[in-house]
Amino acid sequence: MTQVIKTVGVCGAGGTMGAGIAIVAARAGFETVSYDLKQETLERAASQTAGFFGKSVERGKMSGVERDTVLARMSTTTDLGALAGCDLVIEAVFEELGIKQQLFRDLNGVCAEHTILASNTSTLSITEIASACGREDRVVGMHFCLPAQLMKLIEMSPGMNTSQQTFDTAWAFAEQAGQTPVKTQDKPGFILNALLVPFNNDVIRAVEAGVATPADIDAAIKTALGYKMGPCELLDLIGLDTQLRLCEAFYPVTLDVRSSAPPLLRRMVAAGHLGRKSGRGFFTYENKAMFGG
């Protein structure tokens, strides 16, 4: 029998991805506990979340009562022990294997036996993240797409030791949350990033070579291919530093030169031109509100 998810914890909820995942869970009716190391990052994310739902009310997508009901389901904490009662904990922390492995070991020590641990990683092995955490059969990959509060896709990836019940329960949660799950193998990049990281690098190299401006490249892609967002806009949204980390994770595994970090990408990150989060990337930004809000 598939386990029922009622309460969801999100680790790394002070970040853009984690905050978006928390919105998805709470909006779908799940009690949601947002965890991060620093209270100030949680407060900033909570303010952006309130602004996002405020815009939803202004645009007629939800009523003021519905907004208040969703926000009442959301709580924040810097105490990992506060996740003890969650049925599902989704991590969206820094993309580093050792950090994720330690987090899962810590969660294993505080969470109930039935709790499922999910990783939002898009570059690391679910099997490796789960290794030696103490509940390898209850670990699953759930890769949300930025911005999580707007995008419907979740790439679902079982590790080698993930039980079928765990996978089925996580899949059912994704559907209950109004998302569209697809099953992928436990391989770097899964579906989207395996295709997108090299493509985005090609775009960066085209900008660096002077083929066209970021604005013209985006206009060409959106007009000809029907994309809602151009690649330079997307890179600014996910963060140039995130693209660099993806390159550094992918290239040693794939040895695909298209996955290696372009020099322009490294220079932009070194200069602090990270995209929306810093106010400047391929484009400049004054409004740092949550995307879609």
Foldseek 3Di string as FASTA:
>chain_A
DADAFAAEEEEPCLDQQSLLVQLLQLLLPHQYEYEYQDPVSVVVSLVLLLVLVVVCCVVVVDPPVSSVSSSVSYYYDHDLLVCQAGQEYEYDDDPDLVVLLVVLLVNLVRHDPNHAYEYQDQFAFQQSSLPPSNCLQRYWYWHADPSNNPAQETETERHPNHHPSNSVNVCVSSVSSVHDYDYFYRHHRTPPHVPLLLVLLVVVVCCVVVVDAQVVQQVCCCVPVVDPTRSQLVQLRVWLVVSQVSLVSPCVVPVDPSSHHDPVSVVCVVVVQTHLVSQHHSHGHDDNRRPND
